[in-house]
Amino acid sequence: MPPLKDLETGRDLQDTLRANQDRCVGMAANMIGIRKRIIIVNMGILNIVMFNPVITAKEGPYETEEGCLSLDGLRRTLRYMNIEVEYTDSGWKKHRQTFSGQTAQIIQHEVDHLNGIII
């Protein structure tokens, strides 16, 4: 079972993303002042919280422009079309999953935040 504090952080991320859904598709815990490896990603109709996400594989590099709640404007960055991610869900079940397209891009952006990288 995950630590209660981590679950609370996941709920805080859900609330914060919901409050900013008109301009935001993902968030990292350090964006709300919590130094934990937790992100939330909008996957269309679902917002998924990932605990300790690690990108284990990536392919199909491309350049794109992204915005961020932490910065004004757009910036160019390198992303990968397909990625594989290991993470734990809120039930503390481990996953290894492949993502592509916009979902992959959002995950990469949020994992960068966890690693101290801002576009």
PDB file of N, CA and C in Angstrom:
ATOM      1  N   MET A   1       0.851  -1.188   0.000  1.00  0.00           N
ATOM      2  CA  MET A   1       0.000   0.000   0.000  1.00  0.00           C
ATOM      3  C   MET A   1       0.890   1.242   0.000  1.00  0.00           C
ATOM      4  N   PRO A   2       0.506   2.249  -0.799  1.00  0.00           N
ATOM      5  CA  PRO A   2       1.327   3.467  -0.860  1.00  0.00           C
ATOM      6  C   PRO A   2       1.234   4.259   0.433  1.00  0.00           C
ATOM      7  N   PRO A   3       2.269   5.019   0.713  1.00  0.00           N
ATOM      8  CA  PRO A   3       2.180   5.907   1.877  1.00  0.00           C
ATOM      9  C   PRO A   3       1.006   6.868   1.728  1.00  0.00           C
ATOM     10  N   LEU A   4       0.310   7.126   2.807  1.00  0.00           N
ATOM     11  CA  LEU A   4      -0.858   8.010   2.801  1.00  0.00           C
ATOM     12  C   LEU A   4      -0.517   9.374   2.210  1.00  0.00           C
ATOM     13  N   LYS A   5       0.656   9.902   2.541  1.00  0.00           N
ATOM     14  CA  LYS A   5       1.081  11.211   2.016  1.00  0.00           C
ATOM     15  C   LYS A   5       1.141  11.196   0.491  1.00  0.00           C
ATOM     16  N   ASP A   6       1.603  10.080  -0.094  1.00  0.00           N
ATOM     17  CA  ASP A   6       1.683   9.981  -1.551  1.00  0.00           C
ATOM     18  C   ASP A   6       0.289   9.987  -2.168  1.00  0.00           C
ATOM     19  N   LEU A   7      -0.643   9.267  -1.554  1.00  0.00           N
ATOM     20  CA  LEU A   7      -2.028   9.272  -2.055  1.00  0.00           C
ATOM     21  C   LEU A   7      -2.634  10.669  -1.961  1.00  0.00           C
ATOM     22  N   GLU A   8      -2.329  11.387  -0.879  1.00  0.00           N
ATOM     23  CA  GLU A   8      -2.810  12.760  -0.726  1.00  0.00           C
ATOM     24  C   GLU A   8      -2.241  13.648  -1.824  1.00  0.00           C
ATOM     25  N   THR A   9      -0.963  13.449  -2.145  1.00  0.00           N
ATOM     26  CA  THR A   9      -0.344  14.213  -3.224  1.00  0.00           C
ATOM     27  C   THR A   9      -1.032  13.908  -4.552  1.00  0.00           C
ATOM     28  N   GLY A  10      -1.346  12.638  -4.796  1.00  0.00           N
ATOM     29  CA  GLY A  10      -2.071  12.257  -6.006  1.00  0.00           C
ATOM     30  C   GLY A  10      -3.413  12.960  -6.096  1.00  0.00           C
ATOM     31  N   ARG A  11      -4.131  13.036  -4.977  1.00  0.00           N
ATOM     32  CA  ARG A  11      -5.426  13.734  -4.959  1.00  0.00           C
ATOM     33  C   ARG A  11      -5.240  15.240  -5.185  1.00  0.00           C
ATOM     34  N   ASP A  12      -4.200  15.809  -4.582  1.00  0.00           N
ATOM     35  CA  ASP A  12      -3.912  17.233  -4.799  1.00  0.00           C
ATOM     36  C   ASP A  12      -3.622  17.513  -6.277  1.00  0.00           C
ATOM     37  N   LEU A  13      -2.859  16.624  -6.908  1.00  0.00           N
ATOM     38  CA  LEU A  13      -2.568  16.783  -8.334  1.00  0.00           C
ATOM     39  C   LEU A  13      -3.850  16.691  -9.163  1.00  0.00           C
ATOM     40  N   GLN A  14      -4.735  15.768  -8.809  1.00  0.00           N
ATOM     41  CA  GLN A  14      -6.008  15.645  -9.523  1.00  0.00           C
ATOM     42  C   GLN A  14      -6.818  16.930  -9.399  1.00  0.00           C
ATOM     43  N   ASP A  15      -6.903  17.455  -8.177  1.00  0.00           N
ATOM     44  CA  ASP A  15      -7.667  18.686  -7.957  1.00  0.00           C
ATOM     45  C   ASP A  15      -7.057  19.865  -8.709  1.00  0.00           C
ATOM     46  N   THR A  16      -5.729  19.968  -8.677  1.00  0.00           N
ATOM     47  CA  THR A  16      -5.047  21.085  -9.326  1.00  0.00           C
ATOM     48  C   THR A  16      -5.175  20.997 -10.840  1.00  0.00           C
ATOM     49  N   LEU A  17      -5.037  19.794 -11.386  1.00  0.00           N
ATOM     50  CA  LEU A  17      -5.192  19.634 -12.836  1.00  0.00           C
ATOM     51  C   LEU A  17      -6.622  19.962 -13.254  1.00  0.00           C
ATOM     52  N   ARG A  18      -7.585  19.494 -12.489  1.00  0.00           N
ATOM     53  CA  ARG A  18      -8.987  19.776 -12.794  1.00  0.00           C
ATOM     54  C   ARG A  18      -9.242  21.291 -12.780  1.00  0.00           C
ATOM     55  N   ALA A  19      -8.646  21.994 -11.820  1.00  0.00           N
ATOM     56  CA  ALA A  19      -8.843  23.442 -11.715  1.00  0.00           C
ATOM     57  C   ALA A  19      -8.175  24.196 -12.863  1.00  0.00           C
ATOM     58  N   ASN A  20      -7.196  23.572 -13.515  1.00  0.00           N
ATOM     59  CA  ASN A  20      -6.464  24.221 -14.603  1.00  0.00           C
ATOM     60  C   ASN A  20      -6.672  23.527 -15.949  1.00  0.00           C
ATOM     61  N   GLN A  21      -7.720  22.736 -16.072  1.00  0.00           N
ATOM     62  CA  GLN A  21      -7.904  21.900 -17.265  1.00  0.00           C
ATOM     63  C   GLN A  21      -8.042  22.698 -18.559  1.00  0.00           C
ATOM     64  N   ASP A  22      -8.394  23.961 -18.456  1.00  0.00           N
ATOM     65  CA  ASP A  22      -8.504  24.779 -19.665  1.00  0.00           C
ATOM     66  C   ASP A  22      -7.145  25.142 -20.252  1.00  0.00           C
ATOM     67  N   ARG A  23      -6.061  24.953 -19.483  1.00  0.00           N
ATOM     68  CA  ARG A  23      -4.735  25.331 -19.974  1.00  0.00           C
ATOM     69  C   ARG A  23      -3.635  24.348 -19.588  1.00  0.00           C
ATOM     70  N   CYS A  24      -4.021  23.154 -19.137  1.00  0.00           N
ATOM     71  CA  CYS A  24      -3.023  22.219 -18.621  1.00  0.00           C
ATOM     72  C   CYS A  24      -3.466  20.775 -18.875  1.00  0.00           C
ATOM     73  N   VAL A  25      -2.496  19.904 -19.269  1.00  0.00           N
ATOM     74  CA  VAL A  25      -2.808  18.494 -19.527  1.00  0.00           C
ATOM     75  C   VAL A  25      -1.970  17.539 -18.678  1.00  0.00           C
ATOM     76  N   GLY A  26      -1.162  18.085 -17.797  1.00  0.00           N
ATOM     77  CA  GLY A  26      -0.350  17.245 -16.915  1.00  0.00           C
ATOM     78  C   GLY A  26       0.321  18.100 -15.864  1.00  0.00           C
ATOM     79  N   MET A  27       0.750  17.452 -14.787  1.00  0.00           N
ATOM     80  CA  MET A  27       1.448  18.159 -13.705  1.00  0.00           C
ATOM     81  C   MET A  27       2.384  17.197 -13.003  1.00  0.00           C
ATOM     82  N   ALA A  28       3.399  17.770 -12.393  1.00  0.00           N
ATOM     83  CA  ALA A  28       4.335  17.013 -11.561  1.00  0.00           C
ATOM     84  C   ALA A  28       4.224  17.526 -10.127  1.00  0.00           C
ATOM     85  N   ALA A  29       4.472  16.655  -9.177  1.00  0.00           N
ATOM     86  CA  ALA A  29       4.328  17.017  -7.760  1.00  0.00           C
ATOM     87  C   ALA A  29       5.169  18.232  -7.389  1.00  0.00           C
ATOM     88  N   ASN A  30       6.367  18.356  -7.969  1.00  0.00           N
ATOM     89  CA  ASN A  30       7.193  19.503  -7.588  1.00  0.00           C
ATOM     90  C   ASN A  30       6.611  20.832  -8.087  1.00  0.00           C
ATOM     91  N   MET A  31       5.658  20.781  -9.004  1.00  0.00           N
ATOM     92  CA  MET A  31       4.989  22.004  -9.447  1.00  0.00           C
ATOM     93  C   MET A  31       4.018  22.531  -8.396  1.00  0.00           C
ATOM     94  N   ILE A  32       3.618  21.666  -7.459  1.00  0.00           N
ATOM     95  CA  ILE A  32       2.737  22.108  -6.371  1.00  0.00           C
ATOM     96  C   ILE A  32       3.490  22.085  -5.040  1.00  0.00           C
ATOM     97  N   GLY A  33       4.825  22.125  -5.132  1.00  0.00           N
ATOM     98  CA  GLY A  33       5.657  22.267  -3.940  1.00  0.00           C
ATOM     99  C   GLY A  33       5.959  20.987  -3.189  1.00  0.00           C
ATOM    100  N   ILE A  34       5.762  19.829  -3.819  1.00  0.00           N
ATOM    101  CA  ILE A  34       6.011  18.555  -3.140  1.00  0.00           C
ATOM    102  C   ILE A  34       7.134  17.819  -3.856  1.00  0.00           C
ATOM    103  N   ARG A  35       8.186  17.502  -3.127  1.00  0.00           N
ATOM    104  CA  ARG A  35       9.360  16.859  -3.718  1.00  0.00           C
ATOM    105  C   ARG A  35       9.206  15.340  -3.699  1.00  0.00           C
ATOM    106  N   LYS A  36       8.322  14.870  -4.564  1.00  0.00           N
ATOM    107  CA  LYS A  36       8.064  13.433  -4.734  1.00  0.00           C
ATOM    108  C   LYS A  36       8.007  13.148  -6.224  1.00  0.00           C
ATOM    109  N   ARG A  37       8.308  11.915  -6.604  1.00  0.00           N
ATOM    110  CA  ARG A  37       8.261  11.516  -8.020  1.00  0.00           C
ATOM    111  C   ARG A  37       6.848  11.027  -8.350  1.00  0.00           C
ATOM    112  N   ILE A  38       5.937  12.000  -8.489  1.00  0.00           N
ATOM    113  CA  ILE A  38       4.535  11.715  -8.792  1.00  0.00           C
ATOM    114  C   ILE A  38       4.091  12.681  -9.880  1.00  0.00           C
ATOM    115  N   ILE A  39       3.414  12.142 -10.912  1.00  0.00           N
ATOM    116  CA  ILE A  39       2.867  12.990 -11.969  1.00  0.00           C
ATOM    117  C   ILE A  39       1.413  12.611 -12.215  1.00  0.00           C
ATOM    118  N   ILE A  40       0.716  13.508 -12.885  1.00  0.00           N
ATOM    119  CA  ILE A  40      -0.628  13.217 -13.381  1.00  0.00           C
ATOM    120  C   ILE A  40      -0.646  13.586 -14.846  1.00  0.00           C
ATOM    121  N   VAL A  41      -1.305  12.754 -15.647  1.00  0.00           N
ATOM    122  CA  VAL A  41      -1.334  12.938 -17.093  1.00  0.00           C
ATOM    123  C   VAL A  41      -2.774  12.806 -17.587  1.00  0.00           C
ATOM    124  N   ASN A  42      -3.217  13.780 -18.375  1.00  0.00           N
ATOM    125  CA  ASN A  42      -4.529  13.684 -18.991  1.00  0.00           C
ATOM    126  C   ASN A  42      -4.416  12.789 -20.213  1.00  0.00           C
ATOM    127  N   MET A  43      -5.224  11.731 -20.242  1.00  0.00           N
ATOM    128  CA  MET A  43      -5.224  10.787 -21.361  1.00  0.00           C
ATOM    129  C   MET A  43      -6.582  10.794 -22.042  1.00  0.00           C
ATOM    130  N   GLY A  44      -7.039  11.970 -22.373  1.00  0.00           N
ATOM    131  CA  GLY A  44      -8.347  12.098 -23.009  1.00  0.00           C
ATOM    132  C   GLY A  44      -9.438  12.260 -21.975  1.00  0.00           C
ATOM    133  N   ILE A  45     -10.162  11.177 -21.681  1.00  0.00           N
ATOM    134  CA  ILE A  45     -11.242  11.267 -20.694  1.00  0.00           C
ATOM    135  C   ILE A  45     -10.777  10.920 -19.285  1.00  0.00           C
ATOM    136  N   LEU A  46      -9.540  10.410 -19.158  1.00  0.00           N
ATOM    137  CA  LEU A  46      -9.010  10.024 -17.850  1.00  0.00           C
ATOM    138  C   LEU A  46      -7.783  10.830 -17.479  1.00  0.00           C
ATOM    139  N   ASN A  47      -7.664  11.134 -16.197  1.00  0.00           N
ATOM    140  CA  ASN A  47      -6.435  11.686 -15.641  1.00  0.00           C
ATOM    141  C   ASN A  47      -5.786  10.569 -14.828  1.00  0.00           C
ATOM    142  N   ILE A  48      -4.569  10.184 -15.208  1.00  0.00           N
ATOM    143  CA  ILE A  48      -3.879   9.067 -14.560  1.00  0.00           C
ATOM    144  C   ILE A  48      -2.736   9.580 -13.704  1.00  0.00           C
ATOM    145  N   VAL A  49      -2.714   9.162 -12.437  1.00  0.00           N
ATOM    146  CA  VAL A  49      -1.612   9.487 -11.535  1.00  0.00           C
ATOM    147  C   VAL A  49      -0.583   8.368 -11.626  1.00  0.00           C
ATOM    148  N   MET A  50       0.677   8.740 -11.796  1.00  0.00           N
ATOM    149  CA  MET A  50       1.777   7.778 -11.865  1.00  0.00           C
ATOM    150  C   MET A  50       2.759   8.077 -10.737  1.00  0.00           C
ATOM    151  N   PHE A  51       3.020   7.065  -9.937  1.00  0.00           N
ATOM    152  CA  PHE A  51       3.992   7.172  -8.855  1.00  0.00           C
ATOM    153  C   PHE A  51       5.313   6.582  -9.340  1.00  0.00           C
ATOM    154  N   ASN A  52       6.391   7.310  -9.120  1.00  0.00           N
ATOM    155  CA  ASN A  52       7.743   6.888  -9.495  1.00  0.00           C
ATOM    156  C   ASN A  52       7.862   6.492 -10.972  1.00  0.00           C
ATOM    157  N   PRO A  53       7.379   7.331 -11.896  1.00  0.00           N
ATOM    158  CA  PRO A  53       7.483   6.975 -13.310  1.00  0.00           C
ATOM    159  C   PRO A  53       8.927   7.037 -13.800  1.00  0.00           C
ATOM    160  N   VAL A  54       9.295   6.055 -14.606  1.00  0.00           N
ATOM    161  CA  VAL A  54      10.622   6.008 -15.215  1.00  0.00           C
ATOM    162  C   VAL A  54      10.427   5.651 -16.687  1.00  0.00           C
ATOM    163  N   ILE A  55      10.982   6.468 -17.562  1.00  0.00           N
ATOM    164  CA  ILE A  55      10.944   6.159 -18.992  1.00  0.00           C
ATOM    165  C   ILE A  55      12.069   5.177 -19.267  1.00  0.00           C
ATOM    166  N   THR A  56      11.709   3.974 -19.711  1.00  0.00           N
ATOM    167  CA  THR A  56      12.694   2.911 -19.902  1.00  0.00           C
ATOM    168  C   THR A  56      13.095   2.714 -21.356  1.00  0.00           C
ATOM    169  N   ALA A  57      12.315   3.235 -22.290  1.00  0.00           N
ATOM    170  CA  ALA A  57      12.646   3.131 -23.710  1.00  0.00           C
ATOM    171  C   ALA A  57      11.968   4.271 -24.445  1.00  0.00           C
ATOM    172  N   LYS A  58      12.589   4.710 -25.539  1.00  0.00           N
ATOM    173  CA  LYS A  58      12.003   5.772 -26.358  1.00  0.00           C
ATOM    174  C   LYS A  58      12.476   5.616 -27.791  1.00  0.00           C
ATOM    175  N   GLU A  59      11.563   5.950 -28.729  1.00  0.00           N
ATOM    176  CA  GLU A  59      11.914   5.869 -30.147  1.00  0.00           C
ATOM    177  C   GLU A  59      11.116   6.888 -30.938  1.00  0.00           C
ATOM    178  N   GLY A  60      11.663   7.262 -32.062  1.00  0.00           N
ATOM    179  CA  GLY A  60      10.991   8.211 -32.940  1.00  0.00           C
ATOM    180  C   GLY A  60      11.157   9.645 -32.495  1.00  0.00           C
ATOM    181  N   PRO A  61      12.404  10.153 -32.418  1.00  0.00           N
ATOM    182  CA  PRO A  61      12.600  11.536 -31.974  1.00  0.00           C
ATOM    183  C   PRO A  61      11.985  12.542 -32.948  1.00  0.00           C
ATOM    184  N   TYR A  62      11.475  13.628 -32.390  1.00  0.00           N
ATOM    185  CA  TYR A  62      10.951  14.725 -33.199  1.00  0.00           C
ATOM    186  C   TYR A  62      11.045  16.015 -32.404  1.00  0.00           C
ATOM    187  N   GLU A  63      11.129  17.144 -33.114  1.00  0.00           N
ATOM    188  CA  GLU A  63      11.137  18.446 -32.457  1.00  0.00           C
ATOM    189  C   GLU A  63       9.729  18.996 -32.424  1.00  0.00           C
ATOM    190  N   THR A  64       9.396  19.659 -31.329  1.00  0.00           N
ATOM    191  CA  THR A  64       8.069  20.246 -31.178  1.00  0.00           C
ATOM    192  C   THR A  64       8.170  21.501 -30.324  1.00  0.00           C
ATOM    193  N   GLU A  65       7.074  22.198 -30.166  1.00  0.00           N
ATOM    194  CA  GLU A  65       6.994  23.342 -29.262  1.00  0.00           C
ATOM    195  C   GLU A  65       6.005  23.009 -28.162  1.00  0.00           C
ATOM    196  N   GLU A  66       6.365  23.383 -26.941  1.00  0.00           N
ATOM    197  CA  GLU A  66       5.485  23.130 -25.793  1.00  0.00           C
ATOM    198  C   GLU A  66       5.355  24.384 -24.947  1.00  0.00           C
ATOM    199  N   GLY A  67       4.232  24.461 -24.277  1.00  0.00           N
ATOM    200  CA  GLY A  67       4.021  25.474 -23.267  1.00  0.00           C
ATOM    201  C   GLY A  67       4.075  24.804 -21.899  1.00  0.00           C
ATOM    202  N   CYS A  68       4.065  25.611 -20.862  1.00  0.00           N
ATOM    203  CA  CYS A  68       4.148  25.083 -19.499  1.00  0.00           C
ATOM    204  C   CYS A  68       3.529  26.098 -18.545  1.00  0.00           C
ATOM    205  N   LEU A  69       2.850  25.597 -17.520  1.00  0.00           N
ATOM    206  CA  LEU A  69       2.305  26.503 -16.504  1.00  0.00           C
ATOM    207  C   LEU A  69       3.410  27.288 -15.809  1.00  0.00           C
ATOM    208  N   SER A  70       4.624  26.733 -15.793  1.00  0.00           N
ATOM    209  CA  SER A  70       5.746  27.372 -15.104  1.00  0.00           C
ATOM    210  C   SER A  70       6.384  28.503 -15.905  1.00  0.00           C
ATOM    211  N   LEU A  71       6.060  28.596 -17.208  1.00  0.00           N
ATOM    212  CA  LEU A  71       6.696  29.579 -18.084  1.00  0.00           C
ATOM    213  C   LEU A  71       5.672  30.205 -19.019  1.00  0.00           C
ATOM    214  N   ASP A  72       5.942  31.422 -19.464  1.00  0.00           N
ATOM    215  CA  ASP A  72       5.111  32.053 -20.483  1.00  0.00           C
ATOM    216  C   ASP A  72       5.609  31.640 -21.857  1.00  0.00           C
ATOM    217  N   GLY A  73       4.713  31.503 -22.799  1.00  0.00           N
ATOM    218  CA  GLY A  73       5.079  31.251 -24.181  1.00  0.00           C
ATOM    219  C   GLY A  73       5.392  29.794 -24.474  1.00  0.00           C
ATOM    220  N   LEU A  74       5.857  29.574 -25.710  1.00  0.00           N
ATOM    221  CA  LEU A  74       6.213  28.239 -26.183  1.00  0.00           C
ATOM    222  C   LEU A  74       7.722  28.131 -26.331  1.00  0.00           C
ATOM    223  N   ARG A  75       8.222  26.913 -26.177  1.00  0.00           N
ATOM    224  CA  ARG A  75       9.650  26.649 -26.358  1.00  0.00           C
ATOM    225  C   ARG A  75       9.829  25.371 -27.149  1.00  0.00           C
ATOM    226  N   ARG A  76      10.872  25.340 -27.957  1.00  0.00           N
ATOM    227  CA  ARG A  76      11.195  24.151 -28.757  1.00  0.00           C
ATOM    228  C   ARG A  76      11.840  23.103 -27.861  1.00  0.00           C
ATOM    229  N   THR A  77      11.508  21.849 -28.124  1.00  0.00           N
ATOM    230  CA  THR A  77      12.089  20.755 -27.353  1.00  0.00           C
ATOM    231  C   THR A  77      12.104  19.481 -28.189  1.00  0.00           C
ATOM    232  N   LEU A  78      12.920  18.540 -27.781  1.00  0.00           N
ATOM    233  CA  LEU A  78      12.992  17.231 -28.435  1.00  0.00           C
ATOM    234  C   LEU A  78      12.145  16.246 -27.636  1.00  0.00           C
ATOM    235  N   ARG A  79      11.263  15.542 -28.321  1.00  0.00           N
ATOM    236  CA  ARG A  79      10.440  14.501 -27.706  1.00  0.00           C
ATOM    237  C   ARG A  79      10.536  13.246 -28.556  1.00  0.00           C
ATOM    238  N   TYR A  80       9.961  12.160 -28.042  1.00  0.00           N
ATOM    239  CA  TYR A  80       9.941  10.879 -28.739  1.00  0.00           C
ATOM    240  C   TYR A  80       8.495  10.454 -28.950  1.00  0.00           C
ATOM    241  N   MET A  81       8.211   9.929 -30.129  1.00  0.00           N
ATOM    242  CA  MET A  81       6.848   9.552 -30.496  1.00  0.00           C
ATOM    243  C   MET A  81       6.329   8.387 -29.646  1.00  0.00           C
ATOM    244  N   ASN A  82       7.199   7.419 -29.336  1.00  0.00           N
ATOM    245  CA  ASN A  82       6.815   6.241 -28.553  1.00  0.00           C
ATOM    246  C   ASN A  82       7.752   6.090 -27.363  1.00  0.00           C
ATOM    247  N   ILE A  83       7.161   5.851 -26.210  1.00  0.00           N
ATOM    248  CA  ILE A  83       7.967   5.629 -25.003  1.00  0.00           C
ATOM    249  C   ILE A  83       7.396   4.454 -24.220  1.00  0.00           C
ATOM    250  N   GLU A  84       8.254   3.836 -23.437  1.00  0.00           N
ATOM    251  CA  GLU A  84       7.816   2.806 -22.493  1.00  0.00           C
ATOM    252  C   GLU A  84       8.078   3.363 -21.096  1.00  0.00           C
ATOM    253  N   VAL A  85       7.103   3.211 -20.221  1.00  0.00           N
ATOM    254  CA  VAL A  85       7.184   3.781 -18.879  1.00  0.00           C
ATOM    255  C   VAL A  85       6.884   2.708 -17.845  1.00  0.00           C
ATOM    256  N   GLU A  86       7.709   2.663 -16.820  1.00  0.00           N
ATOM    257  CA  GLU A  86       7.417   1.855 -15.633  1.00  0.00           C
ATOM    258  C   GLU A  86       6.916   2.813 -14.564  1.00  0.00           C
ATOM    259  N   TYR A  87       5.819   2.451 -13.920  1.00  0.00           N
ATOM    260  CA  TYR A  87       5.261   3.295 -12.865  1.00  0.00           C
ATOM    261  C   TYR A  87       4.398   2.442 -11.947  1.00  0.00           C
ATOM    262  N   THR A  88       4.015   3.023 -10.847  1.00  0.00           N
ATOM    263  CA  THR A  88       3.120   2.388  -9.890  1.00  0.00           C
ATOM    264  C   THR A  88       1.829   3.200  -9.855  1.00  0.00           C
ATOM    265  N   ASP A  89       0.688   2.508  -9.812  1.00  0.00           N
ATOM    266  CA  ASP A  89      -0.591   3.223  -9.764  1.00  0.00           C
ATOM    267  C   ASP A  89      -1.013   3.468  -8.318  1.00  0.00           C
ATOM    268  N   SER A  90      -2.172   4.080  -8.126  1.00  0.00           N
ATOM    269  CA  SER A  90      -2.621   4.436  -6.780  1.00  0.00           C
ATOM    270  C   SER A  90      -3.016   3.225  -5.940  1.00  0.00           C
ATOM    271  N   GLY A  91      -3.175   2.064  -6.561  1.00  0.00           N
ATOM    272  CA  GLY A  91      -3.400   0.822  -5.823  1.00  0.00           C
ATOM    273  C   GLY A  91      -2.095   0.104  -5.516  1.00  0.00           C
ATOM    274  N   TRP A  92      -1.012   0.755  -5.843  1.00  0.00           N
ATOM    275  CA  TRP A  92       0.369   0.301  -5.642  1.00  0.00           C
ATOM    276  C   TRP A  92       0.709  -0.925  -6.497  1.00  0.00           C
ATOM    277  N   LYS A  93       0.055  -0.986  -7.668  1.00  0.00           N
ATOM    278  CA  LYS A  93       0.344  -2.028  -8.644  1.00  0.00           C
ATOM    279  C   LYS A  93       1.354  -1.486  -9.646  1.00  0.00           C
ATOM    280  N   LYS A  94       2.382  -2.280  -9.947  1.00  0.00           N
ATOM    281  CA  LYS A  94       3.401  -1.862 -10.913  1.00  0.00           C
ATOM    282  C   LYS A  94       2.921  -2.094 -12.336  1.00  0.00           C
ATOM    283  N   HIS A  95       3.293  -1.157 -13.219  1.00  0.00           N
ATOM    284  CA  HIS A  95       2.933  -1.231 -14.633  1.00  0.00           C
ATOM    285  C   HIS A  95       4.167  -0.980 -15.483  1.00  0.00           C
ATOM    286  N   ARG A  96       4.186  -1.595 -16.641  1.00  0.00           N
ATOM    287  CA  ARG A  96       5.130  -1.266 -17.715  1.00  0.00           C
ATOM    288  C   ARG A  96       4.246  -1.105 -18.930  1.00  0.00           C
ATOM    289  N   GLN A  97       4.203   0.116 -19.460  1.00  0.00           N
ATOM    290  CA  GLN A  97       3.236   0.412 -20.499  1.00  0.00           C
ATOM    291  C   GLN A  97       3.881   1.268 -21.584  1.00  0.00           C
ATOM    292  N   THR A  98       3.425   1.066 -22.823  1.00  0.00           N
ATOM    293  CA  THR A  98       3.893   1.860 -23.948  1.00  0.00           C
ATOM    294  C   THR A  98       2.870   2.948 -24.241  1.00  0.00           C
ATOM    295  N   PHE A  99       3.369   4.148 -24.477  1.00  0.00           N
ATOM    296  CA  PHE A  99       2.519   5.292 -24.810  1.00  0.00           C
ATOM    297  C   PHE A  99       3.041   5.916 -26.089  1.00  0.00           C
ATOM    298  N   SER A 100       2.149   6.567 -26.836  1.00  0.00           N
ATOM    299  CA  SER A 100       2.568   7.215 -28.066  1.00  0.00           C
ATOM    300  C   SER A 100       1.838   8.544 -28.234  1.00  0.00           C
ATOM    301  N   GLY A 101       2.305   9.322 -29.191  1.00  0.00           N
ATOM    302  CA  GLY A 101       1.651  10.577 -29.533  1.00  0.00           C
ATOM    303  C   GLY A 101       1.625  11.581 -28.400  1.00  0.00           C
ATOM    304  N   GLN A 102       0.481  12.256 -28.275  1.00  0.00           N
ATOM    305  CA  GLN A 102       0.365  13.337 -27.290  1.00  0.00           C
ATOM    306  C   GLN A 102       0.537  12.837 -25.854  1.00  0.00           C
ATOM    307  N   THR A 103       0.011  11.663 -25.547  1.00  0.00           N
ATOM    308  CA  THR A 103       0.162  11.132 -24.186  1.00  0.00           C
ATOM    309  C   THR A 103       1.641  10.926 -23.866  1.00  0.00           C
ATOM    310  N   ALA A 104       2.402  10.380 -24.812  1.00  0.00           N
ATOM    311  CA  ALA A 104       3.839  10.195 -24.606  1.00  0.00           C
ATOM    312  C   ALA A 104       4.523  11.544 -24.389  1.00  0.00           C
ATOM    313  N   GLN A 105       4.111  12.538 -25.151  1.00  0.00           N
ATOM    314  CA  GLN A 105       4.712  13.864 -25.026  1.00  0.00           C
ATOM    315  C   GLN A 105       4.442  14.464 -23.641  1.00  0.00           C
ATOM    316  N   ILE A 106       3.223  14.330 -23.169  1.00  0.00           N
ATOM    317  CA  ILE A 106       2.873  14.865 -21.843  1.00  0.00           C
ATOM    318  C   ILE A 106       3.698  14.167 -20.763  1.00  0.00           C
ATOM    319  N   ILE A 107       3.794  12.853 -20.835  1.00  0.00           N
ATOM    320  CA  ILE A 107       4.572  12.107 -19.832  1.00  0.00           C
ATOM    321  C   ILE A 107       6.022  12.577 -19.836  1.00  0.00           C
ATOM    322  N   GLN A 108       6.610  12.728 -21.015  1.00  0.00           N
ATOM    323  CA  GLN A 108       8.000  13.181 -21.095  1.00  0.00           C
ATOM    324  C   GLN A 108       8.168  14.557 -20.457  1.00  0.00           C
ATOM    325  N   HIS A 109       7.226  15.452 -20.723  1.00  0.00           N
ATOM    326  CA  HIS A 109       7.272  16.802 -20.156  1.00  0.00           C
ATOM    327  C   HIS A 109       7.246  16.743 -18.623  1.00  0.00           C
ATOM    328  N   GLU A 110       6.331  15.937 -18.079  1.00  0.00           N
ATOM    329  CA  GLU A 110       6.188  15.869 -16.622  1.00  0.00           C
ATOM    330  C   GLU A 110       7.370  15.142 -15.965  1.00  0.00           C
ATOM    331  N   VAL A 111       7.879  14.103 -16.596  1.00  0.00           N
ATOM    332  CA  VAL A 111       9.064  13.427 -16.053  1.00  0.00           C
ATOM    333  C   VAL A 111      10.259  14.378 -16.076  1.00  0.00           C
ATOM    334  N   ASP A 112      10.359  15.218 -17.120  1.00  0.00           N
ATOM    335  CA  ASP A 112      11.408  16.242 -17.127  1.00  0.00           C
ATOM    336  C   ASP A 112      11.302  17.122 -15.885  1.00  0.00           C
ATOM    337  N   HIS A 113      10.078  17.541 -15.526  1.00  0.00           N
ATOM    338  CA  HIS A 113       9.901  18.348 -14.309  1.00  0.00           C
ATOM    339  C   HIS A 113      10.476  17.619 -13.095  1.00  0.00           C
ATOM    340  N   LEU A 114      10.177  16.329 -12.974  1.00  0.00           N
ATOM    341  CA  LEU A 114      10.685  15.556 -11.838  1.00  0.00           C
ATOM    342  C   LEU A 114      12.209  15.528 -11.818  1.00  0.00           C
ATOM    343  N   ASN A 115      12.808  15.588 -13.019  1.00  0.00           N
ATOM    344  CA  ASN A 115      14.272  15.552 -13.136  1.00  0.00           C
ATOM    345  C   ASN A 115      14.900  16.941 -13.135  1.00  0.00           C
ATOM    346  N   GLY A 116      14.095  17.954 -12.806  1.00  0.00           N
ATOM    347  CA  GLY A 116      14.616  19.322 -12.700  1.00  0.00           C
ATOM    348  C   GLY A 116      14.791  20.031 -14.029  1.00  0.00           C
ATOM    349  N   ILE A 117      14.170  19.506 -15.087  1.00  0.00           N
ATOM    350  CA  ILE A 117      14.290  20.092 -16.424  1.00  0.00           C
ATOM    351  C   ILE A 117      12.996  20.820 -16.741  1.00  0.00           C
ATOM    352  N   ILE A 118      13.118  22.095 -17.079  1.00  0.00           N
ATOM    353  CA  ILE A 118      11.975  22.882 -17.531  1.00  0.00           C
ATOM    354  C   ILE A 118      12.300  23.319 -18.943  1.00  0.00           C
ATOM    355  N   ILE A 119      11.369  23.083 -19.865  1.00  0.00           N
ATOM    356  CA  ILE A 119      11.635  23.393 -21.283  1.00  0.00           C
ATOM    357  C   ILE A 119      12.070  24.826 -21.470  1.00  0.00           C
TER     358      ILE A 119
END
